[in-house]
All heavy atoms as atom14 arrays in JSON, in Angstrom:
{
  "sequence": "DSLFFETFNRNKKSLSLDLSTAAGREVIEDLV",
  "atom14_mask": [
    [1, 1, 1, 1, 1, 1, 1, 1, 0, 0, 0, 0, 0, 0],
    [1, 1, 1, 1, 1, 1, 0, 0, 0, 0, 0, 0, 0, 0],
    [1, 1, 1, 1, 1, 1, 1, 1, 0, 0, 0, 0, 0, 0],
    [1, 1, 1, 1, 1, 1, 1, 1, 1, 1, 1, 0, 0, 0],
    [1, 1, 1, 1, 1, 1, 1, 1, 1, 1, 1, 0, 0, 0],
    [1, 1, 1, 1, 1, 1, 1, 1, 1, 0, 0, 0, 0, 0],
    [1, 1, 1, 1, 1, 1, 1, 0, 0, 0, 0, 0, 0, 0],
    [1, 1, 1, 1, 1, 1, 1, 1, 1, 1, 1, 0, 0, 0],
    [1, 1, 1, 1, 1, 1, 1, 1, 0, 0, 0, 0, 0, 0],
    [1, 1, 1, 1, 1, 1, 1, 1, 1, 1, 1, 0, 0, 0],
    [1, 1, 1, 1, 1, 1, 1, 1, 0, 0, 0, 0, 0, 0],
    [1, 1, 1, 1, 1, 1, 1, 1, 1, 0, 0, 0, 0, 0],
    [1, 1, 1, 1, 1, 1, 1, 1, 1, 0, 0, 0, 0, 0],
    [1, 1, 1, 1, 1, 1, 0, 0, 0, 0, 0, 0, 0, 0],
    [1, 1, 1, 1, 1, 1, 1, 1, 0, 0, 0, 0, 0, 0],
    [1, 1, 1, 1, 1, 1, 0, 0, 0, 0, 0, 0, 0, 0],
    [1, 1, 1, 1, 1, 1, 1, 1, 0, 0, 0, 0, 0, 0],
    [1, 1, 1, 1, 1, 1, 1, 1, 0, 0, 0, 0, 0, 0],
    [1, 1, 1, 1, 1, 1, 1, 1, 0, 0, 0, 0, 0, 0],
    [1, 1, 1, 1, 1, 1, 0, 0, 0, 0, 0, 0, 0, 0],
    [1, 1, 1, 1, 1, 1, 1, 0, 0, 0, 0, 0, 0, 0],
    [1, 1, 1, 1, 1, 0, 0, 0, 0, 0, 0, 0, 0, 0],
    [1, 1, 1, 1, 1, 0, 0, 0, 0, 0, 0, 0, 0, 0],
    [1, 1, 1, 1, 0, 0, 0, 0, 0, 0, 0, 0, 0, 0],
    [1, 1, 1, 1, 1, 1, 1, 1, 1, 1, 1, 0, 0, 0],
    [1, 1, 1, 1, 1, 1, 1, 1, 1, 0, 0, 0, 0, 0],
    [1, 1, 1, 1, 1, 1, 1, 0, 0, 0, 0, 0, 0, 0],
    [1, 1, 1, 1, 1, 1, 1, 1, 0, 0, 0, 0, 0, 0],
    [1, 1, 1, 1, 1, 1, 1, 1, 1, 0, 0, 0, 0, 0],
    [1, 1, 1, 1, 1, 1, 1, 1, 0, 0, 0, 0, 0, 0],
    [1, 1, 1, 1, 1, 1, 1, 1, 0, 0, 0, 0, 0, 0],
    [1, 1, 1, 1, 1, 1, 1, 0, 0, 0, 0, 0, 0, 0]
  ],
  "atom14_positions": [
    [[-13.82, -18.49, -16.78], [-15.0, -17.81, -16.25], [-15.73, -18.72, -15.28], [-15.86, -19.92, -15.52], [-15.95, -17.41, -17.37], [-15.35, -16.39, -18.31], [-15.25, -15.22, -17.9], [-14.97, -16.76, -19.44], [0.0, 0.0, 0.0], [0.0, 0.0, 0.0], [0.0, 0.0, 0.0], [0.0, 0.0, 0.0], [0.0, 0.0, 0.0], [0.0, 0.0, 0.0]],
    [[-16.21, -18.15, -14.19], [-17.06, -18.89, -13.26], [-18.01, -17.91, -12.6], [-17.71, -16.71, -12.47], [-16.22, -19.6, -12.19], [-15.74, -18.68, -11.22], [0.0, 0.0, 0.0], [0.0, 0.0, 0.0], [0.0, 0.0, 0.0], [0.0, 0.0, 0.0], [0.0, 0.0, 0.0], [0.0, 0.0, 0.0], [0.0, 0.0, 0.0], [0.0, 0.0, 0.0]],
    [[-19.15, -18.42, -12.18], [-20.09, -17.57, -11.46], [-19.53, -17.18, -10.08], [-19.89, -16.13, -9.54], [-21.44, -18.26, -11.32], [-22.25, -18.38, -12.61], [-23.61, -19.01, -12.33], [-22.43, -17.02, -13.29], [0.0, 0.0, 0.0], [0.0, 0.0, 0.0], [0.0, 0.0, 0.0], [0.0, 0.0, 0.0], [0.0, 0.0, 0.0], [0.0, 0.0, 0.0]],
    [[-18.67, -18.02, -9.52], [-17.98, -17.64, -8.28], [-17.16, -16.38, -8.52], [-17.26, -15.4, -7.76], [-17.07, -18.79, -7.83], [-16.31, -18.53, -6.55], [-16.78, -18.99, -5.35], [-15.11, -17.81, -6.56], [-16.09, -18.75, -4.16], [-14.42, -17.56, -5.39], [-14.91, -18.04, -4.19], [0.0, 0.0, 0.0], [0.0, 0.0, 0.0], [0.0, 0.0, 0.0]],
    [[-16.36, -16.36, -9.56], [-15.52, -15.2, -9.86], [-16.38, -13.98, -10.16], [-16.07, -12.86, -9.71], [-14.63, -15.52, -11.06], [-13.67, -14.42, -11.42], [-12.49, -14.23, -10.72], [-13.95, -13.55, -12.48], [-11.62, -13.21, -11.04], [-13.08, -12.53, -12.81], [-11.91, -12.35, -12.09], [0.0, 0.0, 0.0], [0.0, 0.0, 0.0], [0.0, 0.0, 0.0]],
    [[-17.45, -14.17, -10.88], [-18.34, -13.05, -11.21], [-18.9, -12.4, -9.95], [-19.04, -11.19, -9.87], [-19.48, -13.54, -12.1], [-20.45, -12.46, -12.54], [-19.84, -11.46, -13.51], [-18.85, -11.8, -14.18], [-20.37, -10.33, -13.6], [0.0, 0.0, 0.0], [0.0, 0.0, 0.0], [0.0, 0.0, 0.0], [0.0, 0.0, 0.0], [0.0, 0.0, 0.0]],
    [[-19.19, -13.21, -8.94], [-19.78, -12.71, -7.7], [-18.9, -11.65, -7.03], [-19.41, -10.66, -6.48], [-20.0, -13.87, -6.71], [-20.85, -14.85, -7.31], [-20.62, -13.38, -5.41], [0.0, 0.0, 0.0], [0.0, 0.0, 0.0], [0.0, 0.0, 0.0], [0.0, 0.0, 0.0], [0.0, 0.0, 0.0], [0.0, 0.0, 0.0], [0.0, 0.0, 0.0]],
    [[-17.57, -11.83, -7.08], [-16.66, -11.01, -6.3], [-15.89, -9.97, -7.12], [-15.08, -9.23, -6.54], [-15.64, -11.9, -5.58], [-16.26, -12.86, -4.62], [-16.39, -14.2, -4.94], [-16.72, -12.44, -3.38], [-16.96, -15.1, -4.06], [-17.3, -13.32, -2.49], [-17.42, -14.66, -2.83], [0.0, 0.0, 0.0], [0.0, 0.0, 0.0], [0.0, 0.0, 0.0]],
    [[-16.1, -9.9, -8.43], [-15.18, -9.1, -9.23], [-15.82, -8.16, -10.24], [-15.14, -7.68, -11.15], [-14.2, -10.04, -9.94], [-13.25, -10.7, -8.97], [-12.32, -10.1, -8.46], [-13.52, -11.97, -8.68], [0.0, 0.0, 0.0], [0.0, 0.0, 0.0], [0.0, 0.0, 0.0], [0.0, 0.0, 0.0], [0.0, 0.0, 0.0], [0.0, 0.0, 0.0]],
    [[-17.1, -7.88, -10.1], [-17.72, -6.94, -11.02], [-17.09, -5.55, -10.84], [-16.54, -5.22, -9.79], [-19.24, -6.88, -10.81], [-19.66, -6.35, -9.47], [-21.18, -6.16, -9.37], [-21.53, -5.73, -8.03], [-22.06, -6.5, -7.09], [-22.33, -7.77, -7.37], [-22.32, -6.03, -5.88], [0.0, 0.0, 0.0], [0.0, 0.0, 0.0], [0.0, 0.0, 0.0]],
    [[-17.18, -4.76, -11.87], [-16.72, -3.36, -11.86], [-15.2, -3.22, -11.72], [-14.71, -2.12, -11.45], [-17.41, -2.55, -10.77], [-18.84, -2.2, -11.13], [-19.22, -2.24, -12.3], [-19.65, -1.87, -10.15], [0.0, 0.0, 0.0], [0.0, 0.0, 0.0], [0.0, 0.0, 0.0], [0.0, 0.0, 0.0], [0.0, 0.0, 0.0], [0.0, 0.0, 0.0]],
    [[-14.45, -4.31, -11.91], [-13.0, -4.23, -11.79], [-12.33, -4.33, -13.16], [-12.96, -4.69, -14.16], [-12.48, -5.35, -10.88], [-13.04, -5.31, -9.46], [-12.51, -6.44, -8.61], [-13.17, -6.47, -7.24], [-12.66, -7.58, -6.4], [0.0, 0.0, 0.0], [0.0, 0.0, 0.0], [0.0, 0.0, 0.0], [0.0, 0.0, 0.0], [0.0, 0.0, 0.0]],
    [[-11.05, -4.02, -13.19], [-10.22, -4.19, -14.38], [-9.22, -5.3, -14.12], [-8.95, -5.64, -12.96], [-9.5, -2.88, -14.73], [-10.43, -1.72, -15.04], [-9.67, -0.44, -15.32], [-10.62, 0.71, -15.64], [-9.89, 1.99, -15.9], [0.0, 0.0, 0.0], [0.0, 0.0, 0.0], [0.0, 0.0, 0.0], [0.0, 0.0, 0.0], [0.0, 0.0, 0.0]],
    [[-8.67, -5.87, -15.19], [-7.71, -6.96, -15.02], [-6.47, -6.73, -15.87], [-6.57, -6.32, -17.04], [-8.35, -8.3, -15.41], [-7.37, -9.34, -15.4], [0.0, 0.0, 0.0], [0.0, 0.0, 0.0], [0.0, 0.0, 0.0], [0.0, 0.0, 0.0], [0.0, 0.0, 0.0], [0.0, 0.0, 0.0], [0.0, 0.0, 0.0], [0.0, 0.0, 0.0]],
    [[-5.31, -6.99, -15.25], [-4.03, -6.93, -15.94], [-3.22, -8.17, -15.58], [-2.98, -8.43, -14.4], [-3.25, -5.68, -15.52], [-1.83, -5.54, -16.08], [-1.86, -5.35, -17.6], [-1.09, -4.4, -15.4], [0.0, 0.0, 0.0], [0.0, 0.0, 0.0], [0.0, 0.0, 0.0], [0.0, 0.0, 0.0], [0.0, 0.0, 0.0], [0.0, 0.0, 0.0]],
    [[-2.83, -8.96, -16.58], [-1.93, -10.08, -16.33], [-0.51, -9.55, -16.19], [-0.01, -8.87, -17.1], [-2.0, -11.09, -17.49], [-3.22, -11.79, -17.47], [0.0, 0.0, 0.0], [0.0, 0.0, 0.0], [0.0, 0.0, 0.0], [0.0, 0.0, 0.0], [0.0, 0.0, 0.0], [0.0, 0.0, 0.0], [0.0, 0.0, 0.0], [0.0, 0.0, 0.0]],
    [[0.11, -9.84, -15.06], [1.44, -9.29, -14.8], [2.23, -10.27, -13.95], [1.78, -10.7, -12.88], [1.31, -7.95, -14.06], [2.58, -7.13, -13.86], [3.19, -6.74, -15.2], [2.28, -5.89, -13.02], [0.0, 0.0, 0.0], [0.0, 0.0, 0.0], [0.0, 0.0, 0.0], [0.0, 0.0, 0.0], [0.0, 0.0, 0.0], [0.0, 0.0, 0.0]],
    [[3.4, -10.63, -14.43], [4.27, -11.58, -13.73], [5.24, -10.81, -12.84], [6.26, -10.28, -13.3], [5.03, -12.44, -14.75], [5.82, -13.57, -14.08], [5.94, -13.55, -12.85], [6.29, -14.45, -14.81], [0.0, 0.0, 0.0], [0.0, 0.0, 0.0], [0.0, 0.0, 0.0], [0.0, 0.0, 0.0], [0.0, 0.0, 0.0], [0.0, 0.0, 0.0]],
    [[4.92, -10.77, -11.55], [5.73, -10.0, -10.61], [7.05, -10.68, -10.27], [7.9, -10.09, -9.61], [4.93, -9.76, -9.32], [3.66, -8.92, -9.47], [2.97, -8.77, -8.12], [3.97, -7.56, -10.07], [0.0, 0.0, 0.0], [0.0, 0.0, 0.0], [0.0, 0.0, 0.0], [0.0, 0.0, 0.0], [0.0, 0.0, 0.0], [0.0, 0.0, 0.0]],
    [[7.23, -11.92, -10.73], [8.5, -12.61, -10.47], [9.59, -12.18, -11.44], [10.76, -12.51, -11.23], [8.3, -14.13, -10.56], [8.09, -14.53, -11.9], [0.0, 0.0, 0.0], [0.0, 0.0, 0.0], [0.0, 0.0, 0.0], [0.0, 0.0, 0.0], [0.0, 0.0, 0.0], [0.0, 0.0, 0.0], [0.0, 0.0, 0.0], [0.0, 0.0, 0.0]],
    [[9.23, -11.45, -12.47], [10.22, -11.0, -13.46], [10.64, -9.56, -13.18], [9.86, -8.77, -12.61], [9.65, -11.08, -14.89], [8.57, -10.14, -15.02], [9.13, -12.48, -15.19], [0.0, 0.0, 0.0], [0.0, 0.0, 0.0], [0.0, 0.0, 0.0], [0.0, 0.0, 0.0], [0.0, 0.0, 0.0], [0.0, 0.0, 0.0], [0.0, 0.0, 0.0]],
    [[11.83, -9.22, -13.58], [12.3, -7.84, -13.42], [11.43, -6.88, -14.22], [11.13, -5.76, -13.76], [13.75, -7.74, -13.86], [0.0, 0.0, 0.0], [0.0, 0.0, 0.0], [0.0, 0.0, 0.0], [0.0, 0.0, 0.0], [0.0, 0.0, 0.0], [0.0, 0.0, 0.0], [0.0, 0.0, 0.0], [0.0, 0.0, 0.0], [0.0, 0.0, 0.0]],
    [[11.01, -7.3, -15.4], [10.17, -6.44, -16.23], [8.8, -6.23, -15.59], [8.25, -5.12, -15.61], [10.01, -7.06, -17.62], [0.0, 0.0, 0.0], [0.0, 0.0, 0.0], [0.0, 0.0, 0.0], [0.0, 0.0, 0.0], [0.0, 0.0, 0.0], [0.0, 0.0, 0.0], [0.0, 0.0, 0.0], [0.0, 0.0, 0.0], [0.0, 0.0, 0.0]],
    [[8.25, -7.3, -14.99], [6.98, -7.16, -14.29], [7.1, -6.23, -13.11], [6.18, -5.45, -12.81], [0.0, 0.0, 0.0], [0.0, 0.0, 0.0], [0.0, 0.0, 0.0], [0.0, 0.0, 0.0], [0.0, 0.0, 0.0], [0.0, 0.0, 0.0], [0.0, 0.0, 0.0], [0.0, 0.0, 0.0], [0.0, 0.0, 0.0], [0.0, 0.0, 0.0]],
    [[8.25, -6.28, -12.43], [8.48, -5.37, -11.3], [8.51, -3.92, -11.77], [7.97, -3.04, -11.1], [9.81, -5.73, -10.62], [10.16, -4.85, -9.42], [9.21, -5.11, -8.27], [9.44, -4.18, -7.16], [8.82, -4.27, -5.98], [7.95, -5.23, -5.76], [9.08, -3.4, -5.02], [0.0, 0.0, 0.0], [0.0, 0.0, 0.0], [0.0, 0.0, 0.0]],
    [[9.09, -3.67, -12.91], [9.12, -2.31, -13.44], [7.71, -1.79, -13.68], [7.4, -0.62, -13.39], [9.92, -2.28, -14.75], [11.41, -2.53, -14.57], [12.15, -2.58, -15.9], [11.62, -2.02, -16.89], [13.25, -3.17, -15.96], [0.0, 0.0, 0.0], [0.0, 0.0, 0.0], [0.0, 0.0, 0.0], [0.0, 0.0, 0.0], [0.0, 0.0, 0.0]],
    [[6.84, -2.64, -14.2], [5.47, -2.22, -14.48], [4.72, -1.92, -13.18], [4.05, -0.89, -13.06], [4.72, -3.28, -15.3], [3.25, -2.88, -15.48], [5.38, -3.47, -16.66], [0.0, 0.0, 0.0], [0.0, 0.0, 0.0], [0.0, 0.0, 0.0], [0.0, 0.0, 0.0], [0.0, 0.0, 0.0], [0.0, 0.0, 0.0], [0.0, 0.0, 0.0]],
    [[4.82, -2.81, -12.2], [4.09, -2.58, -10.95], [4.61, -1.32, -10.27], [3.83, -0.56, -9.66], [4.17, -3.8, -10.01], [3.1, -3.7, -8.91], [5.53, -3.96, -9.37], [1.71, -3.89, -9.38], [0.0, 0.0, 0.0], [0.0, 0.0, 0.0], [0.0, 0.0, 0.0], [0.0, 0.0, 0.0], [0.0, 0.0, 0.0], [0.0, 0.0, 0.0]],
    [[5.91, -1.04, -10.38], [6.43, 0.18, -9.76], [5.89, 1.42, -10.48], [5.59, 2.43, -9.82], [7.96, 0.15, -9.76], [8.52, -0.88, -8.78], [10.01, -0.76, -8.58], [10.66, 0.06, -9.28], [10.55, -1.48, -7.71], [0.0, 0.0, 0.0], [0.0, 0.0, 0.0], [0.0, 0.0, 0.0], [0.0, 0.0, 0.0], [0.0, 0.0, 0.0]],
    [[5.76, 1.36, -11.79], [5.16, 2.49, -12.5], [3.7, 2.68, -12.1], [3.22, 3.81, -11.97], [5.25, 2.27, -14.02], [6.65, 2.51, -14.57], [7.46, 3.14, -13.86], [6.92, 2.06, -15.7], [0.0, 0.0, 0.0], [0.0, 0.0, 0.0], [0.0, 0.0, 0.0], [0.0, 0.0, 0.0], [0.0, 0.0, 0.0], [0.0, 0.0, 0.0]],
    [[2.99, 1.58, -11.87], [1.6, 1.67, -11.42], [1.5, 2.24, -10.01], [0.59, 3.01, -9.69], [0.94, 0.3, -11.49], [0.58, -0.21, -12.89], [0.21, -1.69, -12.86], [-0.56, 0.61, -13.49], [0.0, 0.0, 0.0], [0.0, 0.0, 0.0], [0.0, 0.0, 0.0], [0.0, 0.0, 0.0], [0.0, 0.0, 0.0], [0.0, 0.0, 0.0]],
    [[2.44, 1.86, -9.14], [2.44, 2.39, -7.78], [2.58, 3.91, -7.79], [1.96, 4.62, -6.98], [3.58, 1.74, -6.95], [3.8, 2.51, -5.64], [3.25, 0.28, -6.66], [0.0, 0.0, 0.0], [0.0, 0.0, 0.0], [0.0, 0.0, 0.0], [0.0, 0.0, 0.0], [0.0, 0.0, 0.0], [0.0, 0.0, 0.0], [0.0, 0.0, 0.0]]
  ]
}
């Protein structure tokens, strides 16, 4: 956490996702 991050990211959601993996690619494609 940082006040810098808070400044630019209110009202957003967060998902940790590793796009370098095939499984991560499957998730991002479903989100697209």
